[in-house]
């Protein structure tokens, strides 16, 4: 059985992983891709976390997850709704997926 202290510690570790991933993503988008990230306020559940704006009027909706993060049923519903409108939501699960996504955008930009 987990104690409240163990749960807090696990939650703290998860939050730190998410913050580290978020920071790396922000620095890579700003530095490598010369873009901007708009953190979308959580006004409705399921809405992607970020709007990434890149040179050339390219916009991407991005959901950033840790490797153990889970896309909720509501997020899946919203992503499918956007897909029907022709808008893709990128779900980047972990650091490697984030690195690959940035590398792909960099390659497409050159």
Protein backbone atom coordinates (compact mmCIF):
# COMPACT_ATOMS: atom_id res chain seq x y z
CA UNK A 1 0.00 0.00 0.00
CA UNK A 2 1.30 3.46 -0.86
CA UNK A 3 1.54 6.09 1.80
CA UNK A 4 0.54 9.72 1.18
CA UNK A 5 4.25 10.65 1.22
CA UNK A 6 5.06 8.09 -1.49
CA UNK A 7 2.13 9.33 -3.57
CA UNK A 8 3.26 12.91 -3.21
CA UNK A 9 6.78 11.94 -4.17
CA UNK A 10 5.53 10.08 -7.26
CA UNK A 11 3.33 13.04 -8.21
CA UNK A 12 6.27 15.38 -7.68
CA UNK A 13 8.50 13.23 -9.93
CA UNK A 14 5.83 13.16 -12.64
CA UNK A 15 5.41 16.94 -12.47
CA UNK A 16 9.18 17.41 -12.71
CA UNK A 17 9.38 15.10 -15.74
CA UNK A 18 6.58 17.06 -17.41
CA UNK A 19 8.22 20.41 -16.59
CA UNK A 20 11.60 19.21 -17.91
CA UNK A 21 10.01 17.97 -21.13
CA UNK A 22 8.04 21.21 -21.51
CA UNK A 23 11.20 23.30 -21.01
CA UNK A 24 13.17 21.32 -23.59
CA UNK A 25 10.32 21.56 -26.08
CA UNK A 26 10.02 25.31 -25.58
CA UNK A 27 13.78 25.85 -26.04
CA UNK A 28 13.88 23.68 -29.17
CA UNK A 29 10.90 25.38 -30.81
CA UNK A 30 12.29 28.84 -30.03
CA UNK A 31 15.94 28.07 -30.77
CA UNK A 32 16.03 25.45 -33.51
CA UNK A 33 12.75 26.12 -35.30
CA UNK A 34 12.62 29.90 -34.63
CA UNK A 35 8.98 29.56 -33.65
CA UNK A 36 6.67 30.47 -30.82
CA UNK A 37 4.59 28.37 -28.45
CA UNK A 38 1.24 29.55 -27.20
CA UNK A 39 0.19 27.64 -24.08
CA UNK A 40 -3.55 27.20 -24.47
CA UNK A 41 -5.53 27.91 -21.32
CA UNK A 42 -7.51 24.88 -20.16
CA UNK A 43 -10.96 26.33 -20.81
CA UNK A 44 -12.35 23.00 -21.98
CA UNK A 45 -11.08 19.51 -21.26
CA UNK A 46 -9.56 17.69 -24.19
CA UNK A 47 -8.21 20.77 -25.96
CA UNK A 48 -4.52 20.38 -26.96
CA UNK A 49 -2.05 22.12 -24.61
CA UNK A 50 -0.04 24.06 -27.16
CA UNK A 51 -0.30 25.97 -30.38
CA UNK A 52 3.11 25.97 -32.08
CA UNK A 53 3.56 28.78 -34.60
CA UNK A 54 6.43 28.35 -37.05
CA UNK A 55 7.84 30.56 -39.81
CA UNK A 56 5.91 30.43 -43.06
CA UNK A 57 2.51 30.67 -41.35
CA UNK A 58 2.65 27.06 -40.17
CA UNK A 59 0.54 26.20 -37.14
CA UNK A 60 0.55 22.95 -35.17
CA UNK A 61 -1.63 21.78 -32.28
CA UNK A 62 0.57 19.77 -29.94
CA UNK A 63 -0.21 17.61 -26.93
CA UNK A 64 2.97 16.88 -24.98
CA UNK A 65 3.04 13.77 -22.80
CA UNK A 66 5.67 11.94 -20.79
CA UNK A 67 6.41 8.37 -21.88
CA UNK A 68 3.92 7.17 -19.28
CA UNK A 69 1.35 9.89 -20.00
CA UNK A 70 -2.05 8.85 -21.28
CA UNK A 71 -4.33 10.54 -23.78
CA UNK A 72 -7.69 10.78 -22.05
CA UNK A 73 -10.94 9.67 -23.71
CA UNK A 74 -12.00 13.34 -23.90
CA UNK A 75 -8.72 14.24 -25.63
CA UNK A 76 -9.23 11.40 -28.13
CA UNK A 77 -12.74 12.69 -28.81
CA UNK A 78 -11.50 16.27 -29.39
CA UNK A 79 -8.59 15.09 -31.57
CA UNK A 80 -11.01 13.06 -33.71
CA UNK A 81 -13.35 16.05 -33.99
CA UNK A 82 -10.46 18.21 -35.23
CA UNK A 83 -9.34 15.45 -37.62
CA UNK A 84 -12.79 15.53 -39.23
CA UNK A 85 -12.14 19.23 -39.87
CA UNK A 86 -8.77 18.44 -41.44
CA UNK A 87 -6.70 19.56 -38.43
CA UNK A 88 -4.10 17.17 -37.06
CA UNK A 89 -3.22 17.16 -33.35
CA UNK A 90 0.33 15.99 -32.70
CA UNK A 91 0.62 13.84 -29.58
CA UNK A 92 4.29 13.69 -28.61
CA UNK A 93 4.88 10.97 -26.04
CA UNK A 94 8.25 11.42 -24.39
CA UNK A 95 11.51 13.07 -25.25
CA UNK A 96 12.35 10.94 -28.30
CA UNK A 97 9.00 11.71 -29.95
CA UNK A 98 9.59 15.40 -29.24
CA UNK A 99 13.12 15.27 -30.72
CA UNK A 100 11.83 13.45 -33.82
CA UNK A 101 9.01 15.97 -34.30
CA UNK A 102 11.38 18.94 -34.06
CA UNK A 103 13.85 17.26 -36.46
CA UNK A 104 11.03 16.61 -38.96
CA UNK A 105 9.84 20.22 -38.77
CA UNK A 106 13.44 21.42 -39.19
CA UNK A 107 13.94 19.21 -42.25
CA UNK A 108 10.67 20.43 -43.79
CA UNK A 109 11.64 24.06 -43.16
CA UNK A 110 14.92 23.82 -45.09
